[in-house]
Amino acid sequence: MRMITKIGEWVDHRLQLAAPMREAAEHPVPRNTASWWYVFGSAALTVFLLQVVTGILLALIYVPSAGEAWTSLQALNHQVALGWFIRAMHGWGSNFMVALVLIHMAQVFLFGAHKFPRELTWVVGVFLLLMTLGMAFSGQVLRFDQDAYWGLGIGASIVSRVPIIGPAAVKLMLGGPIIAGATLSRFFALHVFVIPGLLIALVGLHLLMVMKLGINEWPMPGRIVKRATYEHEYHTLTKEDGAPFVPYAVWKDLFFAAFILLAIAACAFYFGPFGPTGQPDPTIIQTAPKPDYFFLWLYALLSLLPPSLETPFLLIGPVLVIVALILLPFLSGEGEKSWKRRPMAVLTVLLIAITLGTFTRMAQFTPWSPHMNAWSGDPVPDRFIHDTTALERQGALVFQVKQCRNCHALGDTGGQRGPALDGVAVRLTQDQLIRQVIQGGGNMPAYGNNLSPAETTALVAFLETLHPAKQAPARDASRDKVLGASAQKAPRAQQ
């Protein structure tokens, strides 16, 4: 014991951490604050630490490669000792962490803890929520199974709708024009380095402000927050009716955090890890790429919205919500804290909870929008292959085999996810058709890795025949001009 004491003193003499740690443990908190309502933030921090530990263990085996990601997850599930359990702990930990952060923010709002002088603490909490959701989405992408592939395609299509910077943002997001190995590398870097680094920095800043400004007192009805007097009143309260954080309040945090860890372990043991499902293949669309539960409400909402409202909702809605959350403590920084005297705050939380819960429930049976339940086994109508060349008929066969009609209608039959193709040759030139097939765009995934050059050539040749009988297909005017100039130069050269 003497040796351990001497080593501790030697280390503390150089790092000088004992005094700050003692100050943090003994800082006074209002006695009523040591309540079970104040345990969600510490539980979220505990789950984040669990995510860090399990994430490091998974990173030792996981290979962020388009060809090896799915295989490495299969190895973790079936070959590595307890690999499936670590994956399950990491996956369920993500779900619990999102839920805990949401509950913590709702509790902070209802208890008025966003008011003066804790405005910046709330703003940092908003960014912590965004980072947590970013971790959850990027983690789902790293599964790189069929659902993750299509889900990422939907995410890319949402980003592509941003005016002006949309195409560049998609390329930055995917690491190129298509979902490939570079995409996984980028999301691996985001999930393992960038977002966790930001989370650690924001958590540190959040805890520092909690220490400096104190834990919010129990919101008593009639106790009004005024900028001129609040801080003096708070310090007086902690002196007259305060208690050290350790051990008076910390035991409830520890007990609840342990309960949450046991709940995560129980879910991991009973339900197992999430996926991976089938290997990613854009030619197989018999999948409902539903996200994990924290984004299910958005999935259902997009399924029910008219197509004309999707883009405005996706581009304007999130911005308004984030701006409103950031401005909330500055617009409502004083006044009553108690939820008993703030019926609008209670009504707002209940309305949001009921809305999210309803849409999450509806997502269990809401079809993927637009509909993709067409039967691709129906043959291409004869009128589309009548008087066609051998290459064009081969393209019709590719069109059939690759199940393009599951997403696109042809001859009034087919899917509604993509536009009808009866007149596609009028809308797109040959170069544009090739680019769309290979690189994808909008809601369409890239097929560059799933079609050979010969299949692509044949398919585009068939698509070029799809135009009304009395209407010529689209042509590239600039190419026609170049070809015309070349034709004029040729006779002069012969002279």
Protein backbone atom coordinates (compact mmCIF):
# COMPACT_ATOMS: atom_id res chain seq x y z
CA MET A 1 0.00 0.00 0.00
CA ARG A 2 2.87 2.37 0.75
CA MET A 3 4.36 1.64 -2.65
CA ILE A 4 1.03 2.31 -4.39
CA THR A 5 0.65 5.53 -2.40
CA LYS A 6 4.13 6.70 -3.38
CA ILE A 7 3.50 5.90 -7.04
CA GLY A 8 0.19 7.77 -6.89
CA GLU A 9 1.84 10.78 -5.31
CA TRP A 10 4.63 10.70 -7.92
CA VAL A 11 2.12 10.64 -10.78
CA ASP A 12 -0.10 13.33 -9.24
CA HIS A 13 2.91 15.59 -8.61
CA ARG A 14 3.51 15.63 -12.36
CA LEU A 15 -0.08 15.55 -13.68
CA GLN A 16 -1.76 17.37 -10.79
CA LEU A 17 -5.11 15.69 -11.43
CA ALA A 18 -6.06 14.81 -7.86
CA ALA A 19 -7.31 18.29 -6.98
CA PRO A 20 -9.59 18.69 -10.06
CA MET A 21 -10.92 15.15 -9.59
CA ARG A 22 -11.61 15.80 -5.93
CA GLU A 23 -13.32 19.09 -6.80
CA ALA A 24 -15.50 17.32 -9.38
CA ALA A 25 -16.48 14.59 -6.93
CA GLU A 26 -17.21 16.95 -4.06
CA HIS A 27 -18.93 19.76 -5.95
CA PRO A 28 -22.25 20.53 -4.24
CA VAL A 29 -25.56 19.77 -5.90
CA PRO A 30 -29.06 20.66 -4.68
CA ARG A 31 -30.42 17.76 -2.65
CA ASN A 32 -33.60 17.52 -4.72
CA THR A 33 -31.42 17.16 -7.83
CA ALA A 34 -30.30 13.71 -6.69
CA SER A 35 -33.38 12.26 -8.34
CA TRP A 36 -34.04 9.35 -10.68
CA TRP A 37 -35.02 11.96 -13.30
CA TYR A 38 -31.39 13.08 -13.52
CA VAL A 39 -29.75 9.77 -14.42
CA PHE A 40 -30.25 9.70 -18.21
CA GLY A 41 -27.27 11.86 -19.12
CA SER A 42 -24.78 9.76 -17.15
CA ALA A 43 -26.33 6.58 -18.58
CA ALA A 44 -25.87 7.93 -22.12
CA LEU A 45 -22.21 8.65 -21.32
CA THR A 46 -21.77 5.09 -19.99
CA VAL A 47 -23.26 3.61 -23.15
CA PHE A 48 -20.96 5.80 -25.25
CA LEU A 49 -17.97 4.35 -23.41
CA LEU A 50 -19.37 0.88 -24.13
CA GLN A 51 -19.59 1.81 -27.82
CA VAL A 52 -15.96 2.91 -27.81
CA VAL A 53 -14.75 -0.36 -26.25
CA THR A 54 -16.85 -2.69 -28.42
CA GLY A 55 -16.09 -0.58 -31.50
CA ILE A 56 -12.34 -1.01 -30.97
CA LEU A 57 -12.79 -4.78 -30.65
CA LEU A 58 -14.85 -4.92 -33.86
CA ALA A 59 -12.35 -2.76 -35.75
CA LEU A 60 -9.68 -5.41 -35.13
CA ILE A 61 -11.60 -7.81 -37.41
CA TYR A 62 -13.75 -5.63 -39.66
CA VAL A 63 -12.40 -4.94 -43.16
CA PRO A 64 -13.75 -1.70 -44.72
CA SER A 65 -13.73 -3.10 -48.24
CA ALA A 66 -16.65 -3.60 -50.61
CA GLY A 67 -15.52 -7.18 -51.21
CA GLU A 68 -14.59 -8.08 -47.62
CA ALA A 69 -16.96 -6.14 -45.32
CA TRP A 70 -19.82 -8.63 -45.55
CA THR A 71 -17.42 -11.58 -45.20
CA SER A 72 -15.70 -10.09 -42.14
CA LEU A 73 -19.06 -9.61 -40.41
CA GLN A 74 -19.96 -13.22 -41.19
CA ALA A 75 -16.66 -14.27 -39.63
CA LEU A 76 -17.44 -12.23 -36.53
CA ASN A 77 -20.86 -13.86 -36.30
CA HIS A 78 -19.76 -17.45 -36.79
CA GLN A 79 -15.99 -17.89 -36.43
CA VAL A 80 -14.64 -15.46 -33.82
CA ALA A 81 -15.27 -16.45 -30.21
CA LEU A 82 -18.06 -14.20 -28.84
CA GLY A 83 -17.79 -12.08 -31.99
CA TRP A 84 -21.56 -12.22 -32.44
CA PHE A 85 -22.08 -11.04 -28.86
CA ILE A 86 -19.71 -8.08 -29.26
CA ARG A 87 -21.50 -7.11 -32.49
CA ALA A 88 -24.84 -7.42 -30.74
CA MET A 89 -23.66 -5.32 -27.78
CA HIS A 90 -22.43 -2.64 -30.19
CA GLY A 91 -25.65 -2.65 -32.21
CA TRP A 92 -28.02 -2.62 -29.25
CA GLY A 93 -25.80 -0.09 -27.51
CA SER A 94 -26.36 2.24 -30.45
CA ASN A 95 -30.13 1.88 -30.10
CA PHE A 96 -30.05 2.49 -26.36
CA MET A 97 -27.75 5.49 -26.74
CA VAL A 98 -30.08 7.24 -29.21
CA ALA A 99 -33.04 6.57 -26.91
CA LEU A 100 -31.21 7.82 -23.82
CA VAL A 101 -30.05 11.02 -25.51
CA LEU A 102 -33.59 11.75 -26.71
CA ILE A 103 -35.06 11.09 -23.26
CA HIS A 104 -32.36 13.22 -21.62
CA MET A 105 -33.09 16.15 -23.95
CA ALA A 106 -36.84 15.85 -23.29
CA GLN A 107 -36.18 15.83 -19.53
CA VAL A 108 -33.88 18.86 -19.80
CA PHE A 109 -36.53 20.74 -21.77
CA LEU A 110 -39.38 19.87 -19.39
CA PHE A 111 -37.29 20.79 -16.33
CA GLY A 112 -36.24 24.13 -17.85
CA ALA A 113 -32.53 23.25 -17.70
CA HIS A 114 -32.00 24.97 -21.05
CA LYS A 115 -32.66 28.39 -19.53
CA PHE A 116 -30.09 30.92 -18.32
CA PRO A 117 -27.18 30.39 -17.73
CA ARG A 118 -27.16 26.96 -19.42
CA GLU A 119 -27.95 28.05 -22.99
CA LEU A 120 -24.63 26.84 -24.40
CA THR A 121 -24.99 23.52 -22.55
CA TRP A 122 -28.26 22.96 -24.43
CA VAL A 123 -26.74 23.95 -27.79
CA VAL A 124 -23.88 21.48 -27.26
CA GLY A 125 -26.50 18.86 -26.38
CA VAL A 126 -28.24 19.47 -29.72
CA PHE A 127 -24.99 18.79 -31.57
CA LEU A 128 -24.41 15.71 -29.41
CA LEU A 129 -27.80 14.40 -30.59
CA LEU A 130 -26.87 15.05 -34.23
CA MET A 131 -23.51 13.31 -33.77
CA THR A 132 -25.26 10.34 -32.12
CA LEU A 133 -27.63 10.01 -35.07
CA GLY A 134 -24.65 10.30 -37.42
CA MET A 135 -22.93 7.46 -35.58
CA ALA A 136 -26.06 5.35 -35.86
CA PHE A 137 -26.47 5.94 -39.61
CA SER A 138 -22.80 5.39 -40.46
CA GLY A 139 -22.78 2.20 -38.38
CA GLN A 140 -25.72 0.84 -40.35
CA VAL A 141 -23.88 1.57 -43.62
CA LEU A 142 -20.84 -0.39 -42.42
CA ARG A 143 -22.94 -3.56 -42.33
CA PHE A 144 -22.89 -3.20 -46.14
CA ASP A 145 -25.61 -5.76 -46.70
CA GLN A 146 -28.54 -5.46 -49.07
CA ASP A 147 -30.50 -3.15 -46.80
CA ALA A 148 -27.47 -0.95 -46.07
CA TYR A 149 -26.70 -0.63 -49.80
CA TRP A 150 -30.19 0.52 -50.71
CA GLY A 151 -30.44 2.66 -47.58
CA LEU A 152 -27.24 4.44 -48.55
CA GLY A 153 -28.64 4.89 -52.05
CA ILE A 154 -31.68 6.61 -50.53
CA GLY A 155 -29.40 8.78 -48.38
CA ALA A 156 -27.37 9.75 -51.45
CA SER A 157 -30.55 10.60 -53.36
CA ILE A 158 -31.63 12.88 -50.49
CA VAL A 159 -28.26 14.66 -50.50
CA SER A 160 -28.40 15.02 -54.30
CA ARG A 161 -31.52 17.19 -53.98
CA VAL A 162 -29.61 20.00 -52.26
CA PRO A 163 -29.49 22.91 -54.71
CA ILE A 164 -26.17 23.75 -56.38
CA ILE A 165 -23.91 21.63 -54.14
CA GLY A 166 -25.97 18.41 -54.33
CA PRO A 167 -23.86 16.52 -56.94
CA ALA A 168 -20.58 17.54 -55.31
CA ALA A 169 -21.91 16.54 -51.88
CA VAL A 170 -22.91 13.10 -53.17
CA LYS A 171 -19.46 12.59 -54.67
CA LEU A 172 -17.85 13.65 -51.40
CA MET A 173 -20.18 11.34 -49.48
CA LEU A 174 -19.65 8.27 -51.69
CA GLY A 175 -16.03 8.87 -52.63
CA GLY A 176 -16.97 8.79 -56.31
CA PRO A 177 -19.98 8.53 -58.60
CA ILE A 178 -21.05 5.06 -57.38
CA ILE A 179 -21.33 3.11 -54.12
CA ALA A 180 -18.09 1.14 -53.97
CA GLY A 181 -15.05 0.43 -51.82
CA ALA A 182 -14.22 4.12 -51.45
CA THR A 183 -17.68 4.63 -49.96
CA LEU A 184 -17.01 2.14 -47.19
CA SER A 185 -13.60 3.66 -46.47
CA ARG A 186 -15.16 7.07 -46.01
CA PHE A 187 -17.94 5.85 -43.75
CA PHE A 188 -15.45 3.77 -41.76
CA ALA A 189 -13.34 6.88 -41.19
CA LEU A 190 -16.45 8.84 -40.18
CA HIS A 191 -17.71 6.12 -37.84
CA VAL A 192 -14.39 5.27 -36.20
CA PHE A 193 -12.45 8.55 -36.18
CA VAL A 194 -14.33 11.72 -37.16
CA ILE A 195 -17.68 11.42 -35.37
CA PRO A 196 -16.30 9.75 -32.20
CA GLY A 197 -13.63 12.46 -32.01
CA LEU A 198 -16.29 15.17 -32.23
CA LEU A 199 -18.41 13.31 -29.68
CA ILE A 200 -15.52 13.10 -27.20
CA ALA A 201 -14.78 16.80 -27.60
CA LEU A 202 -18.45 17.79 -27.23
CA VAL A 203 -18.97 15.45 -24.25
CA GLY A 204 -15.91 16.98 -22.55
CA LEU A 205 -17.22 20.49 -23.17
CA HIS A 206 -20.70 19.46 -21.99
CA LEU A 207 -19.35 18.01 -18.73
CA LEU A 208 -17.14 21.04 -18.16
CA MET A 209 -20.13 23.37 -18.40
CA VAL A 210 -22.17 21.14 -16.10
CA MET A 211 -19.34 21.35 -13.56
CA LYS A 212 -18.91 25.12 -13.87
CA LEU A 213 -22.59 26.06 -13.99
CA GLY A 214 -23.90 23.35 -11.68
CA ILE A 215 -26.59 20.73 -12.10
CA ASN A 216 -30.03 22.17 -12.64
CA GLU A 217 -32.04 22.38 -9.44
CA TRP A 218 -35.41 20.68 -9.07
CA PRO A 219 -37.92 22.92 -10.89
CA MET A 220 -40.18 24.27 -8.14
CA PRO A 221 -43.41 25.96 -9.26
CA GLY A 222 -43.14 29.69 -8.76
CA ARG A 223 -39.33 29.79 -8.76
CA ILE A 224 -38.74 32.19 -11.65
CA VAL A 225 -35.45 32.39 -13.57
CA LYS A 226 -34.13 35.96 -13.85
CA ARG A 227 -30.74 36.72 -15.36
CA ALA A 228 -29.99 39.33 -12.72
CA THR A 229 -30.54 37.10 -9.69
CA TYR A 230 -30.48 33.43 -10.74
CA GLU A 231 -26.78 32.65 -10.20
CA HIS A 232 -26.79 34.19 -6.71
CA GLU A 233 -29.95 32.27 -5.81
CA TYR A 234 -28.45 29.00 -7.14
CA HIS A 235 -25.23 29.34 -5.12
CA THR A 236 -27.25 30.20 -2.03
CA LEU A 237 -29.36 27.08 -2.56
CA THR A 238 -26.32 24.79 -2.89
CA LYS A 239 -24.81 26.23 0.32
CA GLU A 240 -27.97 25.96 2.38
CA ASP A 241 -29.45 22.76 0.95
CA GLY A 242 -26.62 21.15 -1.03
CA ALA A 243 -24.73 17.88 -0.81
CA PRO A 244 -21.52 16.58 -2.44
CA PHE A 245 -22.09 14.79 -5.72
CA VAL A 246 -20.07 11.82 -4.37
CA PRO A 247 -21.49 9.88 -2.65
CA TYR A 248 -24.85 11.58 -2.23
CA ALA A 249 -26.01 11.62 -5.88
CA VAL A 250 -23.60 9.35 -7.74
CA TRP A 251 -25.04 6.04 -6.51
CA LYS A 252 -28.26 6.53 -8.49
CA ASP A 253 -26.27 7.26 -11.64
CA LEU A 254 -24.18 4.14 -11.10
CA PHE A 255 -27.20 1.96 -10.36
CA PHE A 256 -29.13 3.13 -13.44
CA ALA A 257 -26.05 2.87 -15.71
CA ALA A 258 -25.51 -0.71 -14.52
CA PHE A 259 -29.17 -1.49 -15.20
CA ILE A 260 -28.85 -0.11 -18.74
CA LEU A 261 -25.71 -2.17 -19.38
CA LEU A 262 -27.52 -5.31 -18.18
CA ALA A 263 -30.47 -4.47 -20.44
CA ILE A 264 -28.15 -4.07 -23.43
CA ALA A 265 -26.44 -7.38 -22.64
CA ALA A 266 -29.83 -9.11 -22.28
CA CYS A 267 -31.03 -7.77 -25.65
CA ALA A 268 -27.72 -8.74 -27.26
CA PHE A 269 -27.89 -12.26 -25.86
CA TYR A 270 -31.56 -12.83 -26.70
CA PHE A 271 -31.96 -11.03 -30.04
CA GLY A 272 -28.39 -11.25 -31.34
CA PRO A 273 -26.64 -8.82 -33.73
CA PHE A 274 -28.23 -6.82 -36.53
CA GLY A 275 -27.53 -8.48 -39.88
CA PRO A 276 -25.83 -8.67 -42.13
CA THR A 277 -28.54 -9.79 -44.54
CA GLY A 278 -27.79 -10.69 -48.16
CA GLN A 279 -24.73 -9.34 -49.92
CA PRO A 280 -25.32 -5.96 -51.61
CA ASP A 281 -26.56 -6.35 -55.19
CA PRO A 282 -28.43 -3.49 -56.93
CA THR A 283 -29.97 -5.96 -59.40
CA ILE A 284 -31.95 -7.55 -56.55
CA ILE A 285 -34.57 -5.12 -55.34
CA GLN A 286 -36.76 -7.58 -53.43
CA THR A 287 -35.80 -5.85 -50.22
CA ALA A 288 -37.38 -3.25 -48.03
CA PRO A 289 -34.35 -1.15 -47.02
CA LYS A 290 -35.83 -0.01 -43.75
CA PRO A 291 -33.41 1.83 -41.45
CA ASP A 292 -32.89 1.07 -37.79
CA TYR A 293 -35.66 2.20 -35.46
CA PHE A 294 -34.41 5.76 -34.89
CA PHE A 295 -35.02 6.64 -38.57
CA LEU A 296 -38.18 4.57 -39.11
CA TRP A 297 -40.42 7.61 -38.60
CA LEU A 298 -38.69 9.36 -41.49
CA TYR A 299 -39.07 6.25 -43.65
CA ALA A 300 -42.83 6.15 -43.01
CA LEU A 301 -43.26 9.88 -43.54
CA LEU A 302 -41.50 9.78 -46.92
CA SER A 303 -43.64 6.80 -47.92
CA LEU A 304 -46.84 8.73 -47.20
CA LEU A 305 -45.83 12.14 -48.55
CA PRO A 306 -46.79 13.01 -52.15
CA PRO A 307 -43.68 12.97 -54.38
CA SER A 308 -44.00 16.73 -54.96
CA LEU A 309 -43.53 17.40 -51.22
CA GLU A 310 -40.59 15.07 -50.59
CA THR A 311 -37.82 17.45 -51.64
CA PRO A 312 -39.16 20.55 -49.80
CA PHE A 313 -39.71 18.48 -46.66
CA LEU A 314 -36.24 16.91 -46.78
CA LEU A 315 -34.42 20.17 -47.46
CA ILE A 316 -36.40 22.61 -45.33
CA GLY A 317 -37.78 20.49 -42.47
CA PRO A 318 -34.48 19.39 -40.82
CA VAL A 319 -32.99 22.88 -41.09
CA LEU A 320 -36.01 24.45 -39.38
CA VAL A 321 -35.96 21.85 -36.59
CA ILE A 322 -32.24 22.30 -35.88
CA VAL A 323 -32.48 26.10 -35.96
CA ALA A 324 -35.48 25.99 -33.61
CA LEU A 325 -33.62 23.76 -31.14
CA ILE A 326 -30.56 26.01 -31.18
CA LEU A 327 -32.59 29.21 -30.73
CA LEU A 328 -34.85 27.76 -28.01
CA PRO A 329 -32.72 28.73 -24.93
CA PHE A 330 -32.18 32.25 -26.28
CA LEU A 331 -35.88 32.83 -26.97
CA SER A 332 -36.99 31.19 -23.71
CA GLY A 333 -34.09 31.88 -21.37
CA GLU A 334 -36.07 33.26 -18.46
CA GLY A 335 -39.29 32.54 -16.65
CA GLU A 336 -40.89 29.47 -15.13
CA LYS A 337 -38.98 26.20 -15.06
CA SER A 338 -41.51 23.80 -13.63
CA TRP A 339 -43.34 21.67 -16.17
CA LYS A 340 -46.45 22.04 -14.00
CA ARG A 341 -46.58 25.72 -14.96
CA ARG A 342 -45.57 25.19 -18.61
CA PRO A 343 -48.45 23.32 -20.28
CA MET A 344 -47.25 24.21 -23.80
CA ALA A 345 -43.89 22.55 -23.11
CA VAL A 346 -45.62 19.38 -21.89
CA LEU A 347 -47.98 19.42 -24.87
CA THR A 348 -45.06 19.88 -27.27
CA VAL A 349 -43.16 16.90 -25.86
CA LEU A 350 -46.28 14.71 -25.89
CA LEU A 351 -47.12 15.73 -29.45
CA ILE A 352 -43.60 14.97 -30.68
CA ALA A 353 -43.50 11.64 -28.85
CA ILE A 354 -46.92 10.56 -30.17
CA THR A 355 -46.05 11.66 -33.71
CA LEU A 356 -42.70 9.85 -33.76
CA GLY A 357 -44.21 6.76 -32.14
CA THR A 358 -47.11 6.68 -34.62
CA PHE A 359 -44.87 7.01 -37.67
CA THR A 360 -42.45 4.44 -36.25
CA ARG A 361 -45.33 2.02 -35.83
CA MET A 362 -46.64 2.75 -39.32
CA ALA A 363 -43.18 2.06 -40.76
CA GLN A 364 -43.61 -1.60 -39.80
CA PHE A 365 -46.10 -2.08 -42.63
CA THR A 366 -45.66 1.00 -44.83
CA PRO A 367 -44.42 0.02 -48.33
CA TRP A 368 -41.23 1.41 -49.73
CA SER A 369 -42.14 4.59 -51.57
CA PRO A 370 -42.52 4.70 -54.50
CA HIS A 371 -43.96 1.22 -54.97
CA MET A 372 -41.63 -1.52 -56.20
CA ASN A 373 -43.91 -4.54 -56.27
CA ALA A 374 -44.10 -5.04 -60.04
CA TRP A 375 -43.56 -8.50 -61.43
CA SER A 376 -40.42 -8.49 -63.56
CA GLY A 377 -41.18 -11.90 -65.03
CA ASP A 378 -43.70 -10.44 -67.48
CA PRO A 379 -42.13 -10.40 -70.95
CA VAL A 380 -41.30 -7.15 -72.69
CA PRO A 381 -44.30 -6.31 -74.91
CA ASP A 382 -43.80 -7.36 -78.54
CA ARG A 383 -44.25 -3.84 -79.90
CA PHE A 384 -41.06 -2.74 -78.17
CA ILE A 385 -38.90 -5.38 -79.89
CA HIS A 386 -40.61 -5.44 -83.28
CA ASP A 387 -38.25 -4.48 -86.15
CA THR A 388 -35.26 -4.16 -83.82
CA THR A 389 -31.66 -5.18 -84.43
CA ALA A 390 -29.96 -8.13 -82.76
CA LEU A 391 -28.10 -5.73 -80.42
CA GLU A 392 -31.34 -4.02 -79.40
CA ARG A 393 -33.05 -7.36 -78.75
CA GLN A 394 -30.07 -8.37 -76.61
CA GLY A 395 -30.59 -5.14 -74.69
CA ALA A 396 -34.25 -6.04 -74.16
CA LEU A 397 -33.05 -9.34 -72.70
CA VAL A 398 -30.68 -7.50 -70.33
CA PHE A 399 -33.56 -5.21 -69.40
CA GLN A 400 -35.62 -8.29 -68.53
CA VAL A 401 -32.94 -10.31 -66.72
CA LYS A 402 -31.78 -7.40 -64.56
CA GLN A 403 -35.37 -6.82 -63.40
CA CYS A 404 -35.49 -3.20 -64.54
CA ARG A 405 -39.30 -3.35 -64.67
CA ASN A 406 -39.47 -3.76 -60.92
CA CYS A 407 -38.69 -0.05 -60.74
CA HIS A 408 -39.73 1.25 -64.19
CA ALA A 409 -42.98 0.88 -66.07
CA LEU A 410 -42.92 -0.09 -69.74
CA GLY A 411 -46.11 -0.36 -71.72
CA ASP A 412 -48.27 0.65 -68.72
CA THR A 413 -46.95 -2.23 -66.58
CA GLY A 414 -44.10 -2.19 -64.11
CA GLY A 415 -42.89 -0.50 -60.94
CA GLN A 416 -43.42 3.10 -59.92
CA ARG A 417 -40.16 3.75 -58.09
CA GLY A 418 -38.54 5.21 -61.20
CA PRO A 419 -40.07 7.06 -64.17
CA ALA A 420 -41.80 5.20 -66.98
CA LEU A 421 -39.43 4.35 -69.83
CA ASP A 422 -41.82 4.40 -72.81
CA GLY A 423 -40.35 7.72 -73.95
CA VAL A 424 -36.97 7.73 -72.21
CA ALA A 425 -35.08 8.17 -75.50
CA VAL A 426 -36.77 11.54 -75.94
CA ARG A 427 -35.64 12.76 -72.52
CA LEU A 428 -32.04 11.48 -72.46
CA THR A 429 -29.31 11.32 -75.08
CA GLN A 430 -27.15 8.24 -75.57
CA ASP A 431 -24.38 9.63 -73.36
CA GLN A 432 -26.88 10.53 -70.66
CA LEU A 433 -28.40 7.04 -70.77
CA ILE A 434 -24.96 5.45 -70.39
CA ARG A 435 -24.10 7.75 -67.49
CA GLN A 436 -27.42 7.06 -65.74
CA VAL A 437 -27.05 3.29 -66.06
CA ILE A 438 -23.42 3.20 -64.89
CA GLN A 439 -23.41 5.93 -62.22
CA GLY A 440 -27.05 6.04 -61.17
CA GLY A 441 -28.57 9.21 -59.81
CA GLY A 442 -31.64 10.38 -57.95
CA ASN A 443 -33.33 7.28 -56.53
CA MET A 444 -31.54 4.96 -58.97
CA PRO A 445 -28.48 3.02 -57.76
CA ALA A 446 -25.35 2.66 -59.88
CA TYR A 447 -25.15 -0.48 -62.02
CA GLY A 448 -21.59 0.06 -63.22
CA ASN A 449 -20.28 -2.86 -61.13
CA ASN A 450 -23.10 -5.21 -62.12
CA LEU A 451 -23.20 -4.86 -65.91
CA SER A 452 -20.47 -5.77 -68.33
CA PRO A 453 -19.57 -3.23 -71.04
CA ALA A 454 -21.36 -5.42 -73.61
CA GLU A 455 -24.51 -5.56 -71.48
CA THR A 456 -24.42 -1.81 -70.95
CA THR A 457 -24.05 -1.17 -74.69
CA ALA A 458 -26.92 -3.50 -75.52
CA LEU A 459 -29.18 -2.09 -72.81
CA VAL A 460 -28.59 1.51 -73.94
CA ALA A 461 -29.23 0.48 -77.56
CA PHE A 462 -32.61 -0.91 -76.50
CA LEU A 463 -33.44 2.17 -74.43
CA GLU A 464 -32.71 4.38 -77.45
CA THR A 465 -35.60 2.67 -79.27
CA LEU A 466 -38.10 3.75 -76.61
CA HIS A 467 -39.66 6.87 -78.12
CA PRO A 468 -42.97 7.69 -79.82
CA ALA A 469 -43.21 6.65 -83.45
CA LYS A 470 -43.47 10.19 -84.79
CA GLN A 471 -40.89 11.74 -82.46
CA ALA A 472 -37.14 11.50 -82.97
CA PRO A 473 -34.91 10.49 -80.05
CA ALA A 474 -32.89 13.10 -78.17
CA ARG A 475 -29.56 14.06 -79.67
CA ASP A 476 -26.53 15.91 -78.37
CA ALA A 477 -26.49 19.18 -80.34
CA SER A 478 -22.85 19.86 -79.54
CA ARG A 479 -21.84 16.44 -80.86
CA ASP A 480 -23.83 17.01 -84.05
CA LYS A 481 -22.05 20.31 -84.55
CA VAL A 482 -18.63 18.70 -84.09
CA LEU A 483 -19.51 15.86 -86.47
CA GLY A 484 -20.78 18.38 -89.06
CA ALA A 485 -17.57 20.38 -88.86
CA SER A 486 -15.52 17.19 -89.26
CA ALA A 487 -17.54 16.21 -92.32
CA GLN A 488 -16.86 19.61 -93.94
CA LYS A 489 -13.13 19.33 -93.29
CA ALA A 490 -12.90 15.89 -94.83
CA PRO A 491 -13.61 16.94 -98.50
CA ARG A 492 -11.17 19.86 -98.17
CA ALA A 493 -8.48 17.49 -96.97
CA GLN A 494 -9.07 15.23 -99.96
CA GLN A 495 -8.75 18.20 -102.33
